[in-house]
N, C-alpha and C. Protein backbone atom coordinates (compact mmCIF):
# COMPACT_ATOMS: atom_id res chain seq x y z
N UNK A 1 -21.10 8.95 16.25
CA UNK A 1 -19.84 8.20 16.53
C UNK A 1 -18.66 9.18 16.34
N UNK A 2 -17.86 9.27 17.34
CA UNK A 2 -16.52 10.09 17.06
C UNK A 2 -15.55 9.69 16.15
N UNK A 3 -14.99 10.50 15.33
CA UNK A 3 -13.93 9.93 14.55
C UNK A 3 -13.09 9.26 14.75
N UNK A 4 -12.47 9.23 16.07
CA UNK A 4 -11.47 8.23 16.44
C UNK A 4 -12.17 6.82 16.82
N UNK A 5 -13.31 6.63 17.21
CA UNK A 5 -14.09 5.60 17.45
C UNK A 5 -14.33 4.90 15.95
N UNK A 6 -14.81 5.69 15.10
CA UNK A 6 -14.65 5.28 13.49
C UNK A 6 -13.39 4.69 13.04
N UNK A 7 -12.34 5.34 13.26
CA UNK A 7 -10.99 5.14 12.62
C UNK A 7 -10.70 3.59 13.32
N UNK A 8 -10.88 3.49 14.68
CA UNK A 8 -10.50 2.10 15.39
C UNK A 8 -11.48 1.25 14.99
N UNK A 9 -12.78 1.17 14.40
CA UNK A 9 -13.53 0.34 14.15
C UNK A 9 -13.40 -0.09 12.76
N UNK A 10 -12.65 0.56 11.95
CA UNK A 10 -12.41 0.18 10.18
C UNK A 10 -10.90 0.11 10.18
N UNK A 11 -9.90 0.34 11.23
CA UNK A 11 -8.40 0.13 10.94
C UNK A 11 -8.18 -1.10 10.17
N UNK A 12 -8.64 -2.26 10.55
CA UNK A 12 -8.66 -3.43 9.85
C UNK A 12 -8.58 -3.33 8.27
N UNK A 13 -9.31 -2.70 8.00
CA UNK A 13 -9.26 -2.38 6.28
C UNK A 13 -8.15 -1.94 5.76
N UNK A 14 -7.37 -0.92 6.54
CA UNK A 14 -6.08 -0.55 6.02
C UNK A 14 -4.97 -1.55 6.07
N UNK A 15 -5.10 -2.30 7.37
CA UNK A 15 -4.07 -3.38 7.57
C UNK A 15 -4.53 -4.78 6.45
N UNK A 16 -5.52 -5.09 6.22
CA UNK A 16 -5.97 -5.90 5.21
C UNK A 16 -5.52 -5.35 3.83
N UNK A 17 -5.78 -4.11 3.74
CA UNK A 17 -5.28 -3.55 2.22
C UNK A 17 -3.71 -3.77 2.15
N UNK A 18 -3.01 -3.27 2.90
CA UNK A 18 -1.41 -3.55 2.97
C UNK A 18 -1.24 -5.05 2.47
N UNK A 19 -1.63 -5.88 3.40
CA UNK A 19 -1.28 -7.20 3.06
C UNK A 19 -1.81 -7.87 1.89
N UNK A 20 -2.81 -7.21 1.39
CA UNK A 20 -3.32 -7.62 0.33
C UNK A 20 -2.53 -6.95 -1.01
N UNK A 21 -2.00 -5.76 -0.86
CA UNK A 21 -1.02 -5.26 -1.90
C UNK A 21 0.27 -6.06 -1.87
N UNK A 22 0.81 -6.48 -0.60
CA UNK A 22 1.83 -7.20 -0.67
C UNK A 22 1.73 -8.73 -1.43
N UNK A 23 0.56 -9.15 -0.76
CA UNK A 23 0.08 -10.54 -1.98
C UNK A 23 0.33 -10.58 -3.03
N UNK A 24 -0.68 -9.50 -3.63
CA UNK A 24 -0.73 -9.16 -5.10
C UNK A 24 0.43 -8.82 -5.79
N UNK A 25 1.37 -8.13 -4.91
CA UNK A 25 2.60 -8.10 -5.47
C UNK A 25 3.33 -9.19 -5.84
N UNK A 26 3.41 -10.14 -5.00
CA UNK A 26 4.17 -11.27 -5.02
C UNK A 26 3.63 -12.36 -5.79
N UNK A 27 2.26 -12.24 -6.00
CA UNK A 27 1.59 -13.41 -6.74
C UNK A 27 1.07 -13.02 -8.16
N UNK A 28 0.72 -11.75 -8.41
CA UNK A 28 -0.02 -11.35 -9.60
C UNK A 28 0.96 -10.15 -10.34
N UNK A 29 2.12 -9.92 -9.72
CA UNK A 29 3.13 -9.10 -10.25
C UNK A 29 2.55 -7.49 -9.76
N UNK A 30 1.58 -7.26 -9.04
CA UNK A 30 0.97 -6.09 -8.67
C UNK A 30 0.53 -4.99 -9.60
N UNK A 31 0.01 -5.60 -10.75
CA UNK A 31 -0.61 -4.92 -12.04
C UNK A 31 -1.93 -4.42 -11.72
N UNK A 32 -2.25 -3.22 -11.95
CA UNK A 32 -3.83 -2.83 -11.76
C UNK A 32 -4.15 -2.21 -12.90
N UNK A 33 -5.28 -2.04 -13.37
CA UNK A 33 -5.84 -1.35 -14.47
C UNK A 33 -6.47 -0.32 -14.08
N UNK A 34 -6.20 0.96 -14.56
CA UNK A 34 -6.66 2.12 -14.24
C UNK A 34 -7.74 2.55 -14.97
N UNK A 35 -8.72 3.51 -14.62
CA UNK A 35 -10.30 3.90 -15.33
C UNK A 35 -9.72 4.53 -17.01
N UNK A 36 -8.41 5.29 -16.89
CA UNK A 36 -8.33 5.98 -18.16
C UNK A 36 -7.59 5.18 -19.09
N UNK A 37 -7.39 3.79 -18.85
CA UNK A 37 -6.99 2.60 -19.68
C UNK A 37 -5.43 2.47 -19.40
N UNK A 38 -4.90 3.11 -18.53
CA UNK A 38 -3.36 2.67 -18.13
C UNK A 38 -3.19 1.73 -17.29
N UNK A 39 -2.13 1.60 -16.86
CA UNK A 39 -1.73 0.34 -15.85
C UNK A 39 -1.11 0.77 -14.92
N UNK A 40 -1.09 0.48 -13.48
CA UNK A 40 -0.32 0.68 -12.50
C UNK A 40 0.41 -0.31 -11.82
N UNK A 41 1.73 -0.26 -11.93
CA UNK A 41 2.57 -1.37 -11.07
C UNK A 41 2.78 -0.83 -9.63
N UNK A 42 2.38 -1.76 -8.72
CA UNK A 42 2.55 -1.22 -7.12
C UNK A 42 3.32 -2.65 -6.63
N UNK A 43 4.17 -2.42 -5.82
CA UNK A 43 4.75 -3.05 -5.05
C UNK A 43 5.25 -2.46 -3.57
N UNK A 44 5.60 -3.48 -2.45
CA UNK A 44 6.07 -2.91 -1.21
C UNK A 44 7.44 -2.96 -1.49
N UNK A 45 8.06 -2.35 -0.71
CA UNK A 45 9.54 -2.02 -0.98
C UNK A 45 10.35 -1.42 0.13
N UNK A 46 11.27 -2.12 0.82
CA UNK A 46 12.27 -1.93 1.70
C UNK A 46 12.28 -1.53 3.12
N UNK A 47 10.76 -1.35 3.39
CA UNK A 47 10.34 -1.13 4.85
C UNK A 47 8.84 -1.51 5.20
N UNK A 48 8.70 -2.42 6.02
CA UNK A 48 7.39 -2.77 6.60
C UNK A 48 7.41 -2.65 8.02
N UNK A 49 6.12 -2.09 8.47
CA UNK A 49 6.06 -2.22 10.01
C UNK A 49 4.67 -2.82 10.32
N UNK A 50 4.96 -3.66 11.20
CA UNK A 50 3.64 -4.62 11.76
C UNK A 50 3.55 -4.42 13.07
N UNK A 51 2.19 -4.39 13.60
CA UNK A 51 1.88 -4.37 14.93
C UNK A 51 0.86 -5.41 15.37
N UNK A 52 0.89 -5.93 16.55
CA UNK A 52 0.21 -6.92 17.20
C UNK A 52 0.02 -6.47 18.79
N UNK A 53 -1.09 -7.12 19.27
CA UNK A 53 -1.17 -7.17 20.66
C UNK A 53 -1.00 -8.48 21.13
N UNK A 54 -0.55 -8.48 22.38
CA UNK A 54 -0.40 -9.79 23.02
C UNK A 54 -0.73 -9.30 24.62
N UNK A 55 -0.47 -10.47 25.43
CA UNK A 55 -0.96 -10.38 26.84
C UNK A 55 0.24 -9.22 27.62
N UNK A 56 1.37 -8.75 27.03
CA UNK A 56 2.24 -7.96 27.43
C UNK A 56 1.95 -6.39 26.94
N UNK A 57 0.87 -6.39 25.71
CA UNK A 57 0.58 -5.29 25.32
C UNK A 57 0.91 -4.96 24.00
N UNK A 58 1.20 -4.13 23.42
CA UNK A 58 1.39 -3.90 21.80
C UNK A 58 2.90 -4.07 21.53
N UNK A 59 2.92 -4.92 20.47
CA UNK A 59 4.34 -5.27 19.75
C UNK A 59 4.31 -4.50 18.32
N UNK A 60 5.56 -3.87 18.25
CA UNK A 60 5.75 -3.49 17.03
C UNK A 60 7.10 -4.02 16.21
N UNK A 61 7.05 -4.42 14.94
CA UNK A 61 8.10 -4.79 14.31
C UNK A 61 8.37 -4.13 12.92
N UNK A 62 9.72 -3.77 12.67
CA UNK A 62 9.80 -3.01 11.63
C UNK A 62 10.92 -3.85 10.86
N UNK A 63 10.76 -4.30 9.67
CA UNK A 63 11.63 -4.88 8.80
C UNK A 63 12.09 -4.03 7.49
N UNK A 64 13.27 -4.24 7.13
CA UNK A 64 13.70 -3.55 6.15
C UNK A 64 14.40 -4.67 5.16
N UNK A 65 14.48 -3.95 3.99
CA UNK A 65 15.21 -5.05 2.89
C UNK A 65 14.12 -5.04 1.77
N UNK A 66 14.21 -5.91 0.52
CA UNK A 66 13.28 -6.18 -0.37
C UNK A 66 12.32 -6.86 0.18
N UNK A 67 11.03 -6.34 -0.14
CA UNK A 67 9.64 -6.94 0.39
C UNK A 67 9.69 -8.58 0.26
N UNK A 68 10.06 -9.14 -0.93
CA UNK A 68 10.13 -10.39 -1.30
C UNK A 68 10.95 -11.44 -0.52
N UNK A 69 12.07 -10.81 0.28
CA UNK A 69 12.97 -11.25 1.18
C UNK A 69 12.78 -11.31 2.37
N UNK A 70 11.60 -10.57 3.03
CA UNK A 70 11.42 -10.19 4.31
C UNK A 70 10.89 -11.10 5.09
N UNK A 71 11.60 -12.25 5.40
CA UNK A 71 11.00 -13.61 6.00
C UNK A 71 10.23 -12.99 7.40
N UNK A 72 11.22 -12.39 8.19
CA UNK A 72 10.64 -11.81 9.50
C UNK A 72 9.30 -11.31 9.38
N UNK A 73 9.18 -10.35 8.35
CA UNK A 73 7.78 -9.71 8.25
C UNK A 73 6.72 -10.70 7.91
N UNK A 74 6.77 -11.44 6.79
CA UNK A 74 5.84 -12.75 6.50
C UNK A 74 5.63 -13.38 7.88
N UNK A 75 6.78 -13.94 8.47
CA UNK A 75 6.31 -14.88 9.98
C UNK A 75 5.38 -13.89 10.71
N UNK A 76 5.59 -12.49 10.92
CA UNK A 76 4.93 -11.88 11.72
C UNK A 76 3.66 -11.69 11.39
N UNK A 77 3.29 -11.64 10.20
CA UNK A 77 2.18 -11.46 9.34
C UNK A 77 1.28 -12.84 9.61
N UNK A 78 2.05 -13.97 9.53
CA UNK A 78 1.58 -15.07 9.65
C UNK A 78 1.21 -15.44 11.25
N UNK A 79 1.71 -14.56 11.96
CA UNK A 79 1.51 -14.85 13.75
C UNK A 79 0.50 -13.66 13.98
N UNK A 80 -0.31 -13.15 13.07
CA UNK A 80 -1.55 -12.18 13.41
C UNK A 80 -1.37 -10.84 13.40
N UNK A 81 -0.05 -10.48 13.17
CA UNK A 81 0.36 -9.08 13.40
C UNK A 81 -0.19 -8.41 12.05
N UNK A 82 -0.43 -7.28 12.10
CA UNK A 82 -1.20 -6.45 11.01
C UNK A 82 -0.12 -5.43 10.41
N UNK A 83 -0.23 -5.08 9.09
CA UNK A 83 0.90 -4.15 8.76
C UNK A 83 0.36 -2.97 8.92
N UNK A 84 0.96 -1.77 9.63
CA UNK A 84 0.84 -0.67 10.02
C UNK A 84 1.26 0.37 9.05
N UNK A 85 2.43 0.00 8.41
CA UNK A 85 3.07 1.01 7.54
C UNK A 85 3.93 0.32 6.52
N UNK A 86 3.99 0.72 5.19
CA UNK A 86 4.70 0.22 4.36
C UNK A 86 5.11 1.16 3.26
N UNK A 87 6.48 0.78 2.71
CA UNK A 87 6.93 1.68 1.59
C UNK A 87 6.77 1.30 0.38
N UNK A 88 5.79 1.75 -0.37
CA UNK A 88 5.12 1.64 -1.40
C UNK A 88 5.71 2.07 -2.92
N UNK A 89 6.06 1.27 -3.80
CA UNK A 89 6.49 1.76 -5.20
C UNK A 89 5.29 1.90 -6.10
N UNK A 90 5.09 2.76 -6.64
CA UNK A 90 4.05 2.97 -7.55
C UNK A 90 4.57 3.35 -9.00
N UNK A 91 4.25 2.77 -10.25
CA UNK A 91 4.66 2.92 -11.59
C UNK A 91 3.61 3.30 -12.38
N UNK A 92 3.46 4.33 -13.17
CA UNK A 92 2.72 4.54 -14.26
C UNK A 92 3.34 4.92 -15.30
N UNK A 93 3.38 4.07 -16.47
CA UNK A 93 4.02 4.42 -17.64
C UNK A 93 5.66 4.76 -17.38
N UNK A 94 6.35 5.76 -17.58
CA UNK A 94 7.71 6.06 -17.18
C UNK A 94 7.82 6.77 -16.01
N UNK A 95 6.63 7.01 -15.30
CA UNK A 95 6.84 7.61 -13.84
C UNK A 95 6.75 6.61 -12.63
N UNK A 96 7.52 6.74 -11.73
CA UNK A 96 7.55 6.20 -10.64
C UNK A 96 7.60 7.06 -9.34
N UNK A 97 6.93 6.77 -8.22
CA UNK A 97 6.51 7.42 -6.86
C UNK A 97 6.92 6.42 -5.92
N UNK A 98 7.33 6.91 -4.78
CA UNK A 98 7.23 5.98 -3.74
C UNK A 98 6.87 6.78 -2.53
N UNK A 99 6.36 6.08 -1.57
CA UNK A 99 5.80 6.85 -0.48
C UNK A 99 5.57 5.57 0.79
N UNK A 100 5.54 6.26 1.98
CA UNK A 100 5.04 5.22 2.81
C UNK A 100 3.52 5.52 3.14
N UNK A 101 3.03 4.26 3.12
CA UNK A 101 1.34 4.20 3.36
C UNK A 101 0.91 4.01 4.80
N UNK A 102 0.30 4.67 5.49
CA UNK A 102 -0.05 4.38 6.92
C UNK A 102 -1.43 3.71 6.72
N UNK A 103 -1.47 2.69 7.58
CA UNK A 103 -2.79 1.76 7.50
C UNK A 103 -4.21 2.65 8.45
N UNK A 104 -3.57 3.19 9.58
CA UNK A 104 -4.54 3.54 10.37
C UNK A 104 -5.50 4.79 9.68
N UNK A 105 -4.64 5.66 9.09
CA UNK A 105 -5.45 6.91 8.81
C UNK A 105 -5.16 6.97 7.05
N UNK A 106 -4.70 6.02 6.61
CA UNK A 106 -4.57 5.84 5.30
C UNK A 106 -3.91 7.19 4.57
N UNK A 107 -2.96 7.64 5.08
CA UNK A 107 -2.29 8.95 4.53
C UNK A 107 -0.85 8.58 4.00
N UNK A 108 -0.25 9.17 3.29
CA UNK A 108 1.10 9.06 2.44
C UNK A 108 2.10 9.87 3.30
N UNK A 109 3.11 9.18 3.69
CA UNK A 109 4.30 9.81 4.27
C UNK A 109 5.52 9.91 3.20
N UNK A 110 6.57 10.69 3.43
CA UNK A 110 7.69 10.66 2.65
C UNK A 110 7.42 10.34 1.22
N UNK A 111 6.41 11.20 0.52
CA UNK A 111 6.05 11.00 -0.71
C UNK A 111 7.10 11.69 -1.56
N UNK A 112 7.56 10.81 -2.67
CA UNK A 112 8.61 11.17 -3.42
C UNK A 112 7.84 10.95 -5.00
N UNK A 113 7.90 12.21 -5.58
CA UNK A 113 7.20 11.97 -7.12
C UNK A 113 8.32 11.90 -7.91
N UNK A 114 8.23 11.66 -9.32
CA UNK A 114 9.39 11.57 -10.39
C UNK A 114 9.88 12.87 -10.61
N UNK A 115 10.97 12.96 -10.78
CA UNK A 115 11.82 14.02 -10.96
C UNK A 115 11.18 15.04 -12.13
N UNK A 116 10.95 16.36 -12.05
CA UNK A 116 10.53 17.34 -12.54
C UNK A 116 11.51 18.11 -13.07
N UNK A 117 12.06 18.26 -14.35
CA UNK A 117 13.22 18.82 -15.06
C UNK A 117 12.61 20.20 -15.22
N UNK A 118 13.71 21.33 -15.08
CA UNK A 118 13.23 22.57 -14.91
C UNK A 118 14.20 23.39 -16.19
N UNK A 119 13.68 23.96 -17.31
CA UNK A 119 14.59 24.63 -18.00
C UNK A 119 14.34 26.24 -17.56
N UNK A 120 15.66 26.60 -17.83
CA UNK A 120 15.86 28.08 -17.41
C UNK A 120 14.81 29.02 -18.01
N UNK A 121 14.34 28.71 -19.39
CA UNK A 121 13.34 29.47 -19.87
C UNK A 121 12.06 29.34 -19.78
N UNK A 122 11.44 28.09 -18.89
CA UNK A 122 10.22 27.67 -18.66
C UNK A 122 9.89 28.55 -17.15
N UNK A 123 8.54 28.79 -17.18
CA UNK A 123 7.99 29.56 -16.12
C UNK A 123 8.32 28.63 -14.97
N UNK A 124 8.59 29.49 -13.86
CA UNK A 124 8.85 28.78 -12.41
C UNK A 124 7.65 28.27 -11.84
N UNK A 125 6.62 28.58 -12.10
CA UNK A 125 5.40 28.08 -11.63
C UNK A 125 5.18 26.79 -12.27
N UNK A 126 5.42 26.70 -13.49
CA UNK A 126 5.32 25.28 -14.15
C UNK A 126 5.56 24.15 -13.44
N UNK A 127 6.82 24.21 -12.93
CA UNK A 127 7.55 23.08 -11.92
C UNK A 127 6.38 22.89 -10.87
N UNK A 128 6.17 23.88 -10.13
CA UNK A 128 4.94 23.53 -9.10
C UNK A 128 3.83 23.08 -9.58
N UNK A 129 3.28 23.28 -10.72
CA UNK A 129 2.23 22.90 -11.31
C UNK A 129 2.27 21.28 -11.76
N UNK A 130 3.59 21.25 -12.45
CA UNK A 130 3.95 19.72 -12.60
C UNK A 130 4.03 18.68 -11.62
N UNK A 131 4.60 19.18 -10.56
CA UNK A 131 4.56 18.49 -9.12
C UNK A 131 3.19 18.11 -8.60
N UNK A 132 2.50 19.10 -8.76
CA UNK A 132 1.21 18.99 -8.21
C UNK A 132 0.13 17.95 -9.04
N UNK A 133 0.42 17.94 -10.52
CA UNK A 133 -0.03 17.17 -11.23
C UNK A 133 0.32 15.72 -11.15
N UNK A 134 1.66 15.58 -10.71
CA UNK A 134 2.30 14.11 -10.59
C UNK A 134 1.83 13.66 -8.96
N UNK A 135 1.41 14.30 -8.15
CA UNK A 135 0.99 13.99 -6.84
C UNK A 135 -0.40 13.55 -6.90
N UNK A 136 -1.31 14.41 -7.82
CA UNK A 136 -2.70 14.11 -8.23
C UNK A 136 -2.78 12.70 -8.87
N UNK A 137 -1.82 12.33 -9.76
CA UNK A 137 -1.89 11.26 -10.60
C UNK A 137 -1.75 10.00 -9.82
N UNK A 138 -0.64 10.08 -8.90
CA UNK A 138 -0.58 9.05 -7.88
C UNK A 138 -1.61 8.94 -6.70
N UNK A 139 -2.04 9.80 -6.26
CA UNK A 139 -3.13 9.63 -5.33
C UNK A 139 -4.31 9.18 -6.03
N UNK A 140 -4.77 9.75 -7.23
CA UNK A 140 -5.91 9.17 -7.89
C UNK A 140 -5.78 7.72 -8.28
N UNK A 141 -4.35 7.33 -8.68
CA UNK A 141 -4.41 5.82 -9.01
C UNK A 141 -4.68 4.87 -7.46
N UNK A 142 -3.75 5.62 -6.46
CA UNK A 142 -4.16 4.81 -4.93
C UNK A 142 -5.55 4.69 -4.72
N UNK A 143 -6.24 5.93 -5.08
CA UNK A 143 -7.58 5.71 -4.82
C UNK A 143 -8.52 4.65 -5.59
N UNK A 144 -8.23 4.64 -6.62
CA UNK A 144 -8.60 3.41 -7.54
C UNK A 144 -8.44 2.29 -7.26
N UNK A 145 -7.19 1.64 -6.90
CA UNK A 145 -6.75 0.56 -6.39
C UNK A 145 -7.40 0.40 -4.91
N UNK A 146 -7.37 1.36 -4.06
CA UNK A 146 -8.28 1.06 -2.95
C UNK A 146 -9.71 0.81 -3.11
N UNK A 147 -10.39 1.65 -3.67
CA UNK A 147 -11.75 1.49 -4.38
C UNK A 147 -11.78 0.01 -4.70
N UNK A 148 -10.91 -0.44 -5.58
CA UNK A 148 -11.10 -1.86 -5.93
C UNK A 148 -11.03 -3.01 -5.04
N UNK A 149 -10.20 -2.75 -3.95
CA UNK A 149 -9.87 -3.51 -2.96
C UNK A 149 -11.09 -3.60 -2.02
N UNK A 150 -11.67 -2.56 -1.75
CA UNK A 150 -12.94 -2.20 -0.83
C UNK A 150 -13.99 -3.15 -1.48
N UNK A 151 -14.07 -2.91 -2.84
CA UNK A 151 -15.13 -3.46 -3.55
C UNK A 151 -15.11 -5.13 -3.62
N UNK A 152 -14.09 -5.55 -3.69
CA UNK A 152 -13.69 -6.75 -3.50
C UNK A 152 -13.74 -7.49 -2.16
N UNK A 153 -13.38 -6.73 -1.26
CA UNK A 153 -13.39 -7.06 0.25
C UNK A 153 -14.80 -7.43 0.72
N UNK A 154 -15.75 -6.52 0.16
CA UNK A 154 -17.07 -6.71 0.67
C UNK A 154 -17.88 -7.40 -0.66
N UNK A 155 -17.28 -8.14 -1.45
CA UNK A 155 -17.95 -9.02 -2.43
C UNK A 155 -18.05 -10.69 -1.95
N UNK A 156 -18.85 -11.68 -2.44
CA UNK A 156 -18.65 -12.76 -2.16
C UNK A 156 -17.47 -13.39 -2.49
N UNK A 157 -16.82 -12.87 -3.71
CA UNK A 157 -15.51 -13.41 -4.20
C UNK A 157 -14.21 -13.30 -3.08
N UNK A 158 -14.47 -12.52 -2.14
CA UNK A 158 -13.22 -12.22 -1.24
C UNK A 158 -13.28 -13.39 -0.12
N UNK A 159 -14.43 -14.01 0.29
CA UNK A 159 -14.62 -15.02 1.17
C UNK A 159 -14.24 -16.51 0.05
N UNK A 160 -14.67 -16.43 -1.11
CA UNK A 160 -14.80 -17.52 -1.94
C UNK A 160 -13.28 -17.87 -2.29
N UNK A 161 -12.61 -16.74 -2.69
CA UNK A 161 -11.32 -16.85 -3.38
C UNK A 161 -10.05 -16.23 -3.25
N UNK A 162 -10.21 -14.93 -2.72
CA UNK A 162 -9.33 -13.83 -2.34
C UNK A 162 -8.77 -14.15 -0.95
N UNK A 163 -9.69 -14.54 -0.19
CA UNK A 163 -9.29 -14.72 1.38
C UNK A 163 -8.52 -15.98 1.43
N UNK A 164 -8.98 -17.03 0.83
CA UNK A 164 -8.13 -18.16 1.16
C UNK A 164 -6.87 -18.17 0.45
N UNK A 165 -6.91 -17.49 -0.62
CA UNK A 165 -5.54 -17.47 -1.35
C UNK A 165 -4.42 -16.57 -0.84
N UNK A 166 -5.11 -15.77 0.05
CA UNK A 166 -4.42 -14.59 1.07
C UNK A 166 -3.83 -15.51 2.18
N UNK A 167 -4.82 -16.23 2.72
CA UNK A 167 -4.19 -17.00 3.93
C UNK A 167 -3.17 -18.01 3.64
N UNK A 168 -3.34 -18.48 2.41
CA UNK A 168 -2.25 -19.62 1.96
C UNK A 168 -0.99 -18.66 1.72
N UNK A 169 -0.72 -17.77 1.20
CA UNK A 169 0.16 -17.18 1.11
C UNK A 169 0.90 -16.43 2.19
N UNK A 170 0.04 -16.09 3.10
CA UNK A 170 0.44 -15.68 4.51
C UNK A 170 1.05 -16.84 5.41
N UNK A 171 0.45 -17.90 5.12
CA UNK A 171 0.65 -19.16 6.10
C UNK A 171 2.13 -19.79 5.42
N UNK A 172 2.45 -19.62 4.10
CA UNK A 172 3.72 -19.93 3.41
C UNK A 172 5.11 -19.12 3.97
N UNK A 173 4.63 -17.93 4.94
CA UNK A 173 5.45 -17.37 5.51
C UNK A 173 6.36 -17.95 6.64
N UNK A 174 5.70 -18.71 7.11
CA UNK A 174 6.16 -19.45 8.23
C UNK A 174 7.33 -20.31 8.17
């Protein structure tokens, strides 16, 4: 199977993942346990792009503002449009990252790390390595959250509890 066919066949997972993140952020405060004992706060913020197909072709809607106040985006979700991109904020401890997560390829765009302070006495390479560490920390956290979602998505709990709650939340967006 060609790569593009595989992506097309499984792109629903990315769209469901972004919808689930939004749902969890609004209903459970978006707090996730990390393997090293820490916690990650995750929420959608300021920009959500949704896409759906109809008889006229593909329709794309981009909504901006605070995620909890995006009534148009919630309505589009209720009208069977899937989230294709979302601005995500991730907080771990005192650090905060922001990035756009693309649901098709599950890649990061406009990735912003916490600020790294450089002292004039410090090794200039240290700033680079600190930035790389911060990027790895965020990517590892997102990998853990996505792995948790996939495990949940293919478990009986998904159809019994999570999906009905998600559908109810989406329906409230009308």
